N, C-alpha and C. Protein backbone atom coordinates (compact mmCIF):
# COMPACT_ATOMS: atom_id res chain seq x y z
N UNK A 1 85.07 85.07 124.07
CA UNK A 1 85.68 85.87 122.78
C UNK A 1 87.00 84.75 122.86
N UNK A 2 86.54 84.55 121.51
CA UNK A 2 87.82 83.61 121.02
C UNK A 2 88.65 84.55 119.90
N UNK A 3 89.66 84.65 119.66
CA UNK A 3 90.61 85.31 118.56
C UNK A 3 91.43 84.19 117.50
N UNK A 4 91.08 84.81 116.42
CA UNK A 4 91.54 84.14 115.60
C UNK A 4 92.18 84.76 114.19
N UNK A 5 92.43 84.83 113.29
CA UNK A 5 93.36 85.38 112.08
C UNK A 5 93.46 85.07 110.99
N UNK A 6 93.90 85.01 109.99
CA UNK A 6 94.14 84.54 108.73
C UNK A 6 96.02 85.06 109.06
N UNK A 7 95.77 83.82 107.78
CA UNK A 7 97.36 83.68 107.61
C UNK A 7 98.16 85.41 107.09
N UNK A 8 99.23 85.35 107.37
CA UNK A 8 100.04 86.12 106.56
C UNK A 8 101.04 85.63 105.67
N UNK A 9 101.16 86.19 104.55
CA UNK A 9 101.81 86.28 103.62
C UNK A 9 103.25 87.10 103.85
N UNK A 10 104.18 86.27 104.14
CA UNK A 10 105.45 87.48 104.31
C UNK A 10 106.15 86.99 102.83
N UNK A 11 106.94 87.81 102.21
CA UNK A 11 107.37 87.75 101.29
C UNK A 11 108.57 88.53 101.35
N UNK A 12 109.83 87.51 101.06
CA UNK A 12 111.26 88.08 101.04
C UNK A 12 111.91 88.07 99.38
N UNK A 13 112.48 89.53 99.48
CA UNK A 13 112.86 89.47 97.88
C UNK A 13 114.46 90.07 98.63
N UNK A 14 115.31 89.75 97.36
CA UNK A 14 116.52 90.27 97.73
C UNK A 14 117.52 90.35 96.32
N UNK A 15 118.50 90.96 96.15
CA UNK A 15 119.18 91.03 94.98
C UNK A 15 120.06 89.35 95.00
N UNK A 16 120.61 89.18 93.79
CA UNK A 16 120.77 87.76 94.29
C UNK A 16 122.77 87.86 94.68
N UNK A 17 122.59 87.00 95.90
CA UNK A 17 123.83 87.46 96.81
C UNK A 17 123.26 88.39 97.83
N UNK A 18 122.72 88.72 97.83
CA UNK A 18 122.50 89.48 99.63
C UNK A 18 122.10 88.75 100.70
N UNK A 19 122.11 87.49 100.84
CA UNK A 19 122.25 86.78 101.87
C UNK A 19 120.29 86.19 101.71
N UNK A 20 119.73 86.23 100.71
CA UNK A 20 118.72 85.37 100.94
C UNK A 20 118.39 84.17 101.48
N UNK A 21 119.02 83.73 100.62
CA UNK A 21 118.76 81.80 101.14
C UNK A 21 119.52 81.50 102.38
N UNK A 22 120.80 82.02 102.70
CA UNK A 22 121.19 81.95 104.22
C UNK A 22 120.21 82.24 105.01
N UNK A 23 119.54 83.43 104.91
CA UNK A 23 118.32 84.07 105.74
C UNK A 23 116.99 83.05 105.95
N UNK A 24 116.50 82.74 104.83
CA UNK A 24 115.62 81.46 104.58
C UNK A 24 115.83 80.39 105.38
N UNK A 25 117.07 79.50 105.04
CA UNK A 25 117.25 78.81 106.14
C UNK A 25 117.73 78.66 107.48
N UNK A 26 117.92 79.69 107.96
CA UNK A 26 117.65 80.28 109.47
C UNK A 26 116.27 80.31 109.74
N UNK A 27 115.28 80.74 109.22
CA UNK A 27 114.12 80.70 109.56
C UNK A 27 113.44 79.67 109.68
N UNK A 28 114.13 78.69 108.98
CA UNK A 28 113.53 77.49 109.23
C UNK A 28 113.74 76.54 110.44
N UNK A 29 114.22 77.42 111.14
CA UNK A 29 114.97 77.14 112.24
C UNK A 29 113.63 76.80 113.43
N UNK A 30 112.81 78.16 112.88
CA UNK A 30 111.44 78.47 113.84
C UNK A 30 110.59 78.33 112.98
N UNK A 31 109.91 76.94 113.05
CA UNK A 31 108.97 76.48 112.01
C UNK A 31 107.69 76.66 112.42
N UNK A 32 107.22 77.91 112.86
CA UNK A 32 106.09 78.59 113.39
C UNK A 32 105.35 79.29 111.83
N UNK A 33 105.55 78.42 110.79
CA UNK A 33 105.21 79.17 109.59
C UNK A 33 105.38 78.10 108.60
N UNK A 34 104.95 78.23 107.34
CA UNK A 34 105.02 77.31 106.19
C UNK A 34 105.77 77.78 105.20
N UNK A 35 106.66 77.00 104.67
CA UNK A 35 107.79 78.27 103.67
C UNK A 35 107.24 77.64 102.21
N UNK A 36 106.51 78.03 101.38
CA UNK A 36 105.84 78.19 100.43
C UNK A 36 107.29 77.79 99.38
N UNK A 37 107.62 76.35 98.87
CA UNK A 37 108.63 75.93 97.63
C UNK A 37 107.90 76.47 96.16
N UNK A 38 108.86 77.26 95.89
CA UNK A 38 108.73 77.66 94.46
C UNK A 38 109.24 76.45 93.41
N UNK A 39 108.73 76.97 92.29
CA UNK A 39 109.07 75.73 91.40
C UNK A 39 109.80 76.72 90.15
N UNK A 40 110.97 76.19 89.35
CA UNK A 40 111.94 76.99 88.59
C UNK A 40 112.35 75.41 87.59
N UNK A 41 112.67 76.22 86.45
CA UNK A 41 113.21 75.33 85.57
C UNK A 41 114.71 75.47 85.41
N UNK A 42 115.34 76.04 86.42
CA UNK A 42 116.73 75.83 85.98
C UNK A 42 117.40 74.60 86.99
N UNK A 43 118.67 74.60 86.75
CA UNK A 43 119.10 73.38 87.10
C UNK A 43 119.29 73.73 88.90
N UNK A 44 119.16 72.25 89.34
CA UNK A 44 119.67 72.30 90.93
C UNK A 44 121.63 72.73 91.12
N UNK A 45 121.46 73.73 92.14
CA UNK A 45 122.90 73.75 92.79
C UNK A 45 123.16 72.60 94.06
N UNK A 46 124.64 72.18 93.98
CA UNK A 46 125.11 71.48 94.79
C UNK A 46 124.64 71.15 95.98
N UNK A 47 123.85 70.85 96.46
CA UNK A 47 123.56 70.33 98.18
C UNK A 47 121.71 70.76 97.93
N UNK A 48 120.83 70.93 96.93
CA UNK A 48 119.45 71.68 96.75
C UNK A 48 118.87 70.18 96.30
N UNK A 49 117.76 70.28 97.27
CA UNK A 49 116.91 68.97 96.94
C UNK A 49 115.32 68.89 96.82
N UNK A 50 115.25 68.42 95.04
CA UNK A 50 113.54 68.78 94.93
C UNK A 50 112.87 68.40 95.90
N UNK A 51 111.87 69.82 95.84
CA UNK A 51 110.82 69.67 97.11
C UNK A 51 110.91 70.33 98.50
N UNK A 52 111.92 70.26 98.69
CA UNK A 52 112.47 71.70 99.50
C UNK A 52 113.15 72.46 99.52
N UNK A 53 114.20 72.67 98.53
CA UNK A 53 114.44 74.04 97.73
C UNK A 53 113.65 74.82 96.80
N UNK A 54 113.40 74.09 95.84
CA UNK A 54 112.61 74.43 94.78
C UNK A 54 111.85 72.70 94.38
N UNK A 55 110.98 72.68 93.44
CA UNK A 55 110.53 72.07 92.78
C UNK A 55 111.28 72.24 90.92
N UNK A 56 111.99 71.25 90.97
CA UNK A 56 112.68 71.31 89.49
C UNK A 56 111.90 70.83 88.57
N UNK A 57 111.56 72.04 87.99
CA UNK A 57 110.70 71.11 86.34
C UNK A 57 111.31 71.04 85.40
N UNK A 58 110.93 71.14 83.98
CA UNK A 58 111.13 71.56 83.15
C UNK A 58 110.22 72.53 82.36
N UNK A 59 110.88 73.19 81.59
CA UNK A 59 110.11 73.96 80.80
C UNK A 59 108.97 74.12 80.40
N UNK A 60 109.13 72.79 79.77
CA UNK A 60 107.93 72.52 79.05
C UNK A 60 106.93 72.22 80.29
N UNK A 61 107.14 71.68 81.66
CA UNK A 61 106.00 71.54 82.47
C UNK A 61 105.79 72.74 83.05
N UNK A 62 106.58 73.84 83.02
CA UNK A 62 106.45 74.80 83.47
C UNK A 62 105.27 75.87 83.21
N UNK A 63 105.25 75.36 81.66
CA UNK A 63 104.87 76.48 81.00
C UNK A 63 103.01 76.09 81.04
N UNK A 64 103.18 74.44 81.39
CA UNK A 64 101.69 73.85 81.55
C UNK A 64 101.12 74.73 82.07
N UNK A 65 101.98 74.74 83.40
CA UNK A 65 101.14 74.86 84.43
C UNK A 65 101.29 76.63 84.54
N UNK A 66 101.92 77.28 83.79
CA UNK A 66 101.31 79.12 83.40
C UNK A 66 99.54 79.06 82.75
N UNK A 67 99.66 77.70 81.54
CA UNK A 67 98.45 78.06 80.78
C UNK A 67 97.18 77.51 81.61
N UNK A 68 97.30 76.74 82.77
CA UNK A 68 96.54 76.31 83.65
C UNK A 68 95.95 77.43 84.53
N UNK A 69 96.60 78.26 84.72
CA UNK A 69 96.68 79.22 86.20
C UNK A 69 96.97 78.91 87.45
N UNK A 70 98.03 78.01 87.35
CA UNK A 70 98.50 77.15 88.39
C UNK A 70 99.40 77.97 89.59
N UNK A 71 99.67 79.62 89.23
CA UNK A 71 100.94 80.44 89.50
C UNK A 71 100.16 81.09 90.54
N UNK A 72 100.04 81.60 91.43
CA UNK A 72 100.02 82.99 92.25
C UNK A 72 100.60 84.20 91.46
N UNK A 73 102.41 83.66 91.31
CA UNK A 73 103.05 84.24 90.78
C UNK A 73 104.37 83.79 89.62
N UNK A 74 104.90 84.29 88.57
CA UNK A 74 105.43 83.81 87.99
C UNK A 74 106.93 84.78 87.63
N UNK A 75 108.16 84.61 87.07
CA UNK A 75 108.49 85.27 86.52
C UNK A 75 109.94 84.72 86.00
N UNK A 76 110.32 85.58 84.53
CA UNK A 76 111.55 84.66 84.02
C UNK A 76 113.19 85.48 84.73
N UNK A 77 113.74 85.10 85.56
CA UNK A 77 114.73 85.72 85.95
C UNK A 77 116.31 85.07 85.54
N UNK A 78 117.29 85.59 85.13
CA UNK A 78 118.44 85.50 85.00
C UNK A 78 118.38 83.98 83.76
N UNK A 79 117.30 83.78 82.71
CA UNK A 79 117.05 82.78 81.54
C UNK A 79 116.05 81.89 82.47
N UNK A 80 115.94 81.92 83.40
CA UNK A 80 114.80 80.97 84.16
C UNK A 80 113.88 81.47 84.72
N UNK A 81 112.61 80.08 84.12
CA UNK A 81 111.58 80.21 85.11
C UNK A 81 111.40 80.12 86.41
N UNK A 82 110.75 80.89 87.61
CA UNK A 82 110.29 80.75 88.56
C UNK A 82 108.46 80.96 88.88
N UNK A 83 107.87 80.18 89.53
CA UNK A 83 106.40 80.36 90.10
C UNK A 83 106.45 79.88 91.50
N UNK A 84 105.01 80.97 92.02
CA UNK A 84 104.49 79.96 93.29
C UNK A 84 103.34 79.21 92.74
N UNK A 85 103.04 78.38 93.77
CA UNK A 85 101.86 77.65 93.09
C UNK A 85 100.89 78.45 94.36
N UNK A 86 99.63 78.61 93.61
CA UNK A 86 98.49 79.72 94.09
C UNK A 86 97.68 78.46 95.16
N UNK A 87 97.50 77.22 94.80
CA UNK A 87 96.86 76.23 95.99
C UNK A 87 97.32 76.23 97.16
N UNK A 88 99.02 76.06 97.34
CA UNK A 88 99.52 75.79 98.46
C UNK A 88 99.19 77.24 99.64
N UNK A 89 99.28 78.44 98.68
CA UNK A 89 99.43 79.51 99.96
C UNK A 89 98.26 79.72 100.14
N UNK A 90 96.81 79.60 99.86
CA UNK A 90 95.69 80.09 99.83
C UNK A 90 95.35 79.26 100.96
N UNK A 91 95.48 77.40 100.75
CA UNK A 91 94.56 77.10 101.62
C UNK A 91 95.59 77.01 103.08
N UNK A 92 97.05 77.61 103.23
CA UNK A 92 97.63 77.63 104.48
C UNK A 92 97.15 79.40 104.99
N UNK A 93 96.80 80.22 103.94
CA UNK A 93 95.84 81.03 104.50
C UNK A 93 94.87 80.92 105.49
N UNK A 94 94.34 80.14 104.66
CA UNK A 94 92.64 80.14 104.86
C UNK A 94 92.92 79.74 106.30
N UNK A 95 93.60 78.53 106.54
CA UNK A 95 93.71 77.92 108.28
C UNK A 95 94.48 78.82 108.93
N UNK A 96 95.07 79.57 109.00
CA UNK A 96 95.19 81.00 109.53
C UNK A 96 97.03 80.57 109.86
N UNK A 97 97.60 80.00 109.03
CA UNK A 97 98.90 79.47 109.33
C UNK A 97 99.75 80.84 107.75
N UNK A 98 100.63 81.24 108.68
CA UNK A 98 101.73 82.00 107.79
C UNK A 98 102.22 81.50 107.08
N UNK A 99 102.70 81.93 105.98
CA UNK A 99 103.05 81.52 104.80
C UNK A 99 104.88 82.11 104.35
N UNK A 100 106.01 81.81 104.18
CA UNK A 100 106.80 82.65 103.51
C UNK A 100 107.14 82.25 101.97
N UNK A 101 107.45 83.64 101.65
CA UNK A 101 107.71 83.37 100.09
C UNK A 101 109.05 83.87 99.59
N UNK A 102 109.87 83.07 99.06
CA UNK A 102 111.36 83.50 98.54
C UNK A 102 111.20 84.27 97.30
N UNK A 103 110.75 85.01 96.93
CA UNK A 103 110.52 85.82 94.84
C UNK A 103 111.11 86.84 94.79
N UNK A 104 111.89 87.38 93.60
CA UNK A 104 112.13 88.24 93.41
C UNK A 104 111.37 89.25 93.23
N UNK A 105 111.89 90.08 92.70
CA UNK A 105 111.07 91.75 92.90
C UNK A 105 109.69 91.56 92.03
N UNK A 106 110.21 90.95 90.50
CA UNK A 106 109.04 91.11 89.65
C UNK A 106 107.26 90.13 90.46
N UNK A 107 108.12 89.15 90.92
CA UNK A 107 106.99 88.33 91.42
C UNK A 107 106.44 88.79 92.80
N UNK A 108 107.11 90.01 93.38
CA UNK A 108 106.22 90.70 94.84
C UNK A 108 105.08 91.36 93.71
N UNK A 109 105.82 92.05 92.66
CA UNK A 109 105.10 93.18 92.11
C UNK A 109 103.32 92.57 91.83
N UNK A 110 104.17 91.36 90.79
CA UNK A 110 102.42 90.31 90.45
C UNK A 110 101.81 90.14 91.81
N UNK A 111 102.43 89.71 92.85
CA UNK A 111 101.32 89.22 94.34
C UNK A 111 100.86 90.57 94.13
N UNK A 112 101.39 91.88 94.47
CA UNK A 112 100.78 93.06 95.22
C UNK A 112 99.75 93.42 93.76
N UNK A 113 99.76 93.54 92.73
CA UNK A 113 99.00 93.55 91.75
C UNK A 113 97.76 92.72 91.37
N UNK A 114 97.51 91.55 92.36
CA UNK A 114 96.43 90.21 92.55
C UNK A 114 95.15 91.28 92.82
N UNK A 115 94.02 90.71 92.41
CA UNK A 115 92.96 90.99 92.54
C UNK A 115 91.84 90.46 93.91
N UNK A 116 93.06 89.31 94.14
CA UNK A 116 92.25 88.56 95.42
C UNK A 116 92.39 89.06 96.73
N UNK A 117 91.48 89.74 97.10
CA UNK A 117 91.17 90.21 98.19
C UNK A 117 92.35 89.85 99.32
N UNK A 118 91.89 88.63 99.72
CA UNK A 118 92.38 87.95 100.69
C UNK A 118 93.69 88.00 100.64
N UNK A 119 94.40 87.66 99.36
CA UNK A 119 95.98 87.82 99.16
C UNK A 119 96.45 89.03 99.91
N UNK A 120 95.55 90.35 99.11
CA UNK A 120 96.87 91.19 99.18
C UNK A 120 96.42 92.14 100.53
N UNK A 121 95.25 91.46 101.42
CA UNK A 121 95.20 91.51 102.88
C UNK A 121 96.64 91.49 103.33
N UNK A 122 97.06 89.86 103.27
CA UNK A 122 97.51 89.12 103.74
C UNK A 122 99.00 89.63 103.79
N UNK A 123 99.45 90.50 102.41
CA UNK A 123 100.92 91.11 102.30
C UNK A 123 101.40 91.55 103.76
N UNK A 124 102.38 91.12 103.85
CA UNK A 124 103.40 91.64 104.57
C UNK A 124 105.16 91.30 103.75
N UNK A 125 106.01 92.63 102.67
CA UNK A 125 106.58 92.34 102.33
C UNK A 125 108.04 93.07 102.79
N UNK A 126 109.28 92.15 102.51
CA UNK A 126 110.08 92.43 103.08
C UNK A 126 111.48 92.38 102.11
N UNK A 127 112.05 93.55 101.63
CA UNK A 127 113.47 93.54 101.21
C UNK A 127 114.48 92.98 101.90
N UNK A 128 115.46 92.54 101.52
CA UNK A 128 116.81 92.46 102.14
C UNK A 128 117.72 93.26 101.71
N UNK A 129 118.46 93.70 101.61
CA UNK A 129 118.93 95.20 101.17
C UNK A 129 120.95 95.01 101.32
N UNK A 130 121.43 94.43 100.40
CA UNK A 130 122.76 94.73 100.99
C UNK A 130 123.68 96.05 101.39
N UNK A 131 124.47 96.01 102.49
CA UNK A 131 124.81 97.31 102.53
C UNK A 131 126.07 98.05 101.37
N UNK A 132 126.32 97.40 100.51
CA UNK A 132 127.10 98.36 99.41
C UNK A 132 127.06 97.53 98.54
N UNK A 133 126.90 98.14 97.15
CA UNK A 133 127.49 97.00 96.10
C UNK A 133 128.73 96.37 96.47
N UNK A 134 129.59 97.23 97.16
CA UNK A 134 131.31 95.91 97.18
C UNK A 134 131.39 94.99 97.88
N UNK A 135 129.96 94.79 99.37
CA UNK A 135 129.33 94.07 100.00
C UNK A 135 129.08 93.36 98.98
N UNK A 136 128.09 93.57 98.01
CA UNK A 136 127.69 92.16 97.52
C UNK A 136 128.40 91.82 96.45
N UNK A 137 128.92 92.11 95.99
CA UNK A 137 130.40 92.03 95.32
C UNK A 137 130.99 91.12 95.48
N UNK A 138 131.32 91.26 96.37
CA UNK A 138 132.46 89.95 97.56
C UNK A 138 131.57 88.46 97.59
N UNK A 139 130.16 88.82 97.80
CA UNK A 139 129.34 87.59 98.44
C UNK A 139 129.37 87.29 97.02
N UNK A 140 129.51 87.60 96.04
CA UNK A 140 128.92 86.85 94.82
C UNK A 140 130.23 85.77 94.50
N UNK A 141 131.40 86.94 94.64
CA UNK A 141 132.74 86.10 94.74
C UNK A 141 133.15 84.61 95.30
N UNK A 142 132.47 85.15 96.47
CA UNK A 142 132.99 84.16 97.63
C UNK A 142 132.05 83.19 97.40
N UNK A 143 130.72 83.24 96.87
CA UNK A 143 129.97 82.28 96.89
C UNK A 143 130.19 81.28 95.48
N UNK A 144 130.97 81.64 94.62
CA UNK A 144 131.99 81.09 93.48
C UNK A 144 130.96 80.16 92.21
N UNK A 145 129.77 80.98 92.13
CA UNK A 145 128.33 79.80 91.64
C UNK A 145 128.63 80.71 90.30
N UNK A 146 129.26 82.05 89.67
CA UNK A 146 128.99 82.65 88.66
C UNK A 146 130.26 82.66 87.67
N UNK A 147 130.41 82.73 86.77
CA UNK A 147 131.75 83.19 85.63
C UNK A 147 131.60 84.88 86.13
N UNK A 148 132.37 84.94 85.55
CA UNK A 148 132.92 86.88 85.67
C UNK A 148 132.16 87.49 84.68
N UNK A 149 131.47 87.19 83.67
CA UNK A 149 130.63 87.42 83.20
C UNK A 149 129.00 87.96 83.89
N UNK A 150 128.67 86.52 83.89
CA UNK A 150 127.79 86.05 85.14
C UNK A 150 127.54 87.23 86.34
N UNK A 151 129.06 87.56 86.85
CA UNK A 151 128.92 88.41 87.83
C UNK A 151 128.66 90.02 87.54
N UNK A 152 128.87 90.17 86.58
CA UNK A 152 129.04 91.55 86.53
C UNK A 152 127.28 91.75 86.22
N UNK A 153 126.73 90.32 85.14
CA UNK A 153 125.44 90.91 84.83
C UNK A 153 124.36 91.03 86.54
N UNK A 154 124.73 90.20 87.14
CA UNK A 154 123.83 89.85 88.46
C UNK A 154 124.44 91.46 89.23
N UNK A 155 125.34 91.83 89.06
CA UNK A 155 125.38 93.25 89.66
C UNK A 155 124.74 94.43 89.20
N UNK A 156 124.34 94.65 87.84
CA UNK A 156 123.79 95.41 86.83
C UNK A 156 122.26 95.35 87.45
N UNK A 157 122.00 93.80 87.72
CA UNK A 157 120.39 93.69 87.92
C UNK A 157 120.42 93.74 89.53
N UNK A 158 121.34 93.62 90.25
CA UNK A 158 120.89 93.95 91.51
C UNK A 158 120.72 95.33 92.21
N UNK A 159 121.47 96.31 91.26
CA UNK A 159 121.62 97.98 90.43
C UNK A 159 120.09 98.14 90.80
N UNK A 160 119.47 97.24 89.60
CA UNK A 160 118.07 97.92 89.62
C UNK A 160 117.11 97.18 90.32
N UNK A 161 117.48 96.50 90.86
CA UNK A 161 116.16 95.80 91.74
C UNK A 161 116.42 96.38 92.92
N UNK A 162 117.17 97.02 93.62
CA UNK A 162 117.52 98.00 94.58
C UNK A 162 116.56 98.99 94.87
N UNK A 163 116.34 99.25 93.57
CA UNK A 163 115.26 100.65 93.65
C UNK A 163 113.66 100.14 93.62
N UNK A 164 113.99 99.25 93.85
CA UNK A 164 112.72 98.70 93.82
C UNK A 164 111.88 98.25 95.65
N UNK A 165 113.08 98.81 96.39
CA UNK A 165 112.74 98.71 97.82
C UNK A 165 111.93 99.32 98.57
N UNK A 166 111.24 100.57 97.45
CA UNK A 166 110.52 101.29 98.26
C UNK A 166 109.18 100.76 98.04
N UNK A 167 108.77 99.67 96.96
CA UNK A 167 107.57 99.16 96.74
C UNK A 167 107.30 98.04 98.13
N UNK A 168 108.13 97.93 98.95
CA UNK A 168 108.19 97.00 99.95
C UNK A 168 108.09 97.74 101.44
N UNK A 169 106.94 96.65 102.28
CA UNK A 169 106.86 97.19 103.71
C UNK A 169 107.52 97.84 104.30
N UNK A 170 108.73 96.98 104.47
CA UNK A 170 109.97 96.64 105.22
C UNK A 170 111.18 96.73 104.65
N UNK A 171 112.09 97.80 104.41
CA UNK A 171 113.40 97.22 103.86
C UNK A 171 114.80 96.78 105.27
N UNK A 172 114.93 95.68 105.35
CA UNK A 172 116.00 95.44 106.33
C UNK A 172 117.58 95.48 105.32
N UNK A 173 118.26 96.08 106.44
CA UNK A 173 120.01 96.39 105.46
C UNK A 173 120.49 95.14 106.30
N UNK A 174 121.22 94.37 105.24
CA UNK A 174 121.80 93.08 105.89
C UNK A 174 122.99 93.17 106.38
N UNK A 175 123.18 92.46 107.74
CA UNK A 175 124.21 92.64 108.34
C UNK A 175 125.43 90.75 108.27
N UNK A 176 125.09 90.63 109.87
CA UNK A 176 125.68 89.00 109.88
C UNK A 176 124.61 88.18 109.58
N UNK A 177 124.34 87.05 108.84
CA UNK A 177 123.29 86.01 108.74
C UNK A 177 122.65 86.17 110.30
N UNK A 178 122.78 86.20 111.26
CA UNK A 178 122.48 86.21 112.66
C UNK A 178 121.38 87.90 113.02
N UNK A 179 121.85 88.68 112.31
CA UNK A 179 121.42 89.79 112.79
C UNK A 179 120.04 89.74 111.21
N UNK A 180 120.72 89.22 110.19
CA UNK A 180 119.31 89.33 109.19
C UNK A 180 117.85 88.73 110.19
N UNK A 181 118.45 87.49 110.67
CA UNK A 181 117.81 86.44 111.02
C UNK A 181 116.31 86.65 112.24
N UNK A 182 117.17 88.28 113.27
CA UNK A 182 116.67 88.39 114.60
C UNK A 182 115.52 89.80 113.33
N UNK A 183 116.20 90.21 112.58
CA UNK A 183 115.07 91.53 112.00
C UNK A 183 114.25 91.19 111.57
N UNK A 184 114.25 90.31 110.88
CA UNK A 184 112.98 89.29 110.06
C UNK A 184 112.20 88.88 111.22
N UNK A 185 112.74 88.07 112.12
CA UNK A 185 111.91 87.75 113.33
C UNK A 185 111.19 88.58 114.26
N UNK A 186 111.67 89.95 114.04
CA UNK A 186 111.33 91.30 115.06
C UNK A 186 110.08 91.59 114.08
N UNK A 187 109.97 91.56 112.31
CA UNK A 187 108.81 91.86 111.90
C UNK A 187 107.52 91.09 111.80
N UNK A 188 108.12 89.64 111.97
CA UNK A 188 107.01 88.98 111.96
C UNK A 188 106.23 88.92 113.05
N UNK A 189 106.93 88.80 114.54
CA UNK A 189 106.24 89.04 115.39
C UNK A 189 105.24 90.46 115.79
N UNK A 190 105.91 91.46 114.84
CA UNK A 190 105.21 92.98 115.03
C UNK A 190 103.61 92.24 114.10
N UNK A 191 104.15 92.25 112.83
CA UNK A 191 102.59 92.00 112.01
C UNK A 191 101.74 91.03 112.55
N UNK A 192 102.64 90.17 113.61
CA UNK A 192 100.79 88.91 114.05
C UNK A 192 100.29 89.74 115.32
N UNK A 193 100.55 90.79 115.29
CA UNK A 193 99.93 91.11 116.63
C UNK A 193 99.50 92.48 116.30
N UNK A 194 99.58 93.22 114.81
CA UNK A 194 98.77 94.25 114.18
C UNK A 194 97.34 94.12 114.62
N UNK A 195 97.15 95.18 115.00
CA UNK A 195 95.44 95.37 115.65
C UNK A 195 94.44 94.54 114.07
N UNK A 196 94.97 95.21 112.82
CA UNK A 196 93.97 94.94 112.01
C UNK A 196 94.20 93.33 111.17
N UNK A 197 94.84 92.10 112.09
CA UNK A 197 94.89 91.30 111.60
C UNK A 197 94.38 90.51 112.49
N UNK A 198 94.02 91.37 114.02
CA UNK A 198 93.21 89.64 114.87
C UNK A 198 91.66 89.86 114.33
N UNK A 199 91.03 88.58 114.44
CA UNK A 199 89.00 88.92 114.49
C UNK A 199 88.56 88.53 116.03
N UNK A 200 88.13 89.03 116.34
CA UNK A 200 87.92 88.97 117.81
C UNK A 200 86.31 88.83 118.16
N UNK A 201 85.47 87.33 117.98
CA UNK A 201 84.66 87.26 118.26
C UNK A 201 83.66 86.93 119.48
């Protein structure tokens, strides 16, 4: 008897400032999956590396890729375009390799709505939820990358985004970075042992 399975598509979403980037970086310590690097038209933040954090594209290049159907999902968030390349995700799933996507709620909804049966079957989506709006406010202030006006916009958007948590298989209430990491790893372990994901010959 041989045991094999298709890769799992782990989707991670969270409001801006909820700790998603920190969690993503901690997860990279356990490289038993492929992190799908998204494309974006926003400018790189200090320390971000092209090809590792994002593929930083011009708006023209991004829209050309949309026209060609290169993206599994794409969305406009805070005035910038983001997208996930279809080919990378499908190739890894076919090889039985798990894929982690860091996408917003629009992107997650677009992936769930796909007619591609293999992708739909592979989804395990997780919403990282801040403990409260005040905690989120303090995290955004500490990050120091937004003006006061931008901060208020992000908080208003976060309130709307948190309503979408019910669309996800899992909701993790954010605590310390290490707690978030352990909770996400527990979800990954459980999904890998789900009976429906195993193919026994």
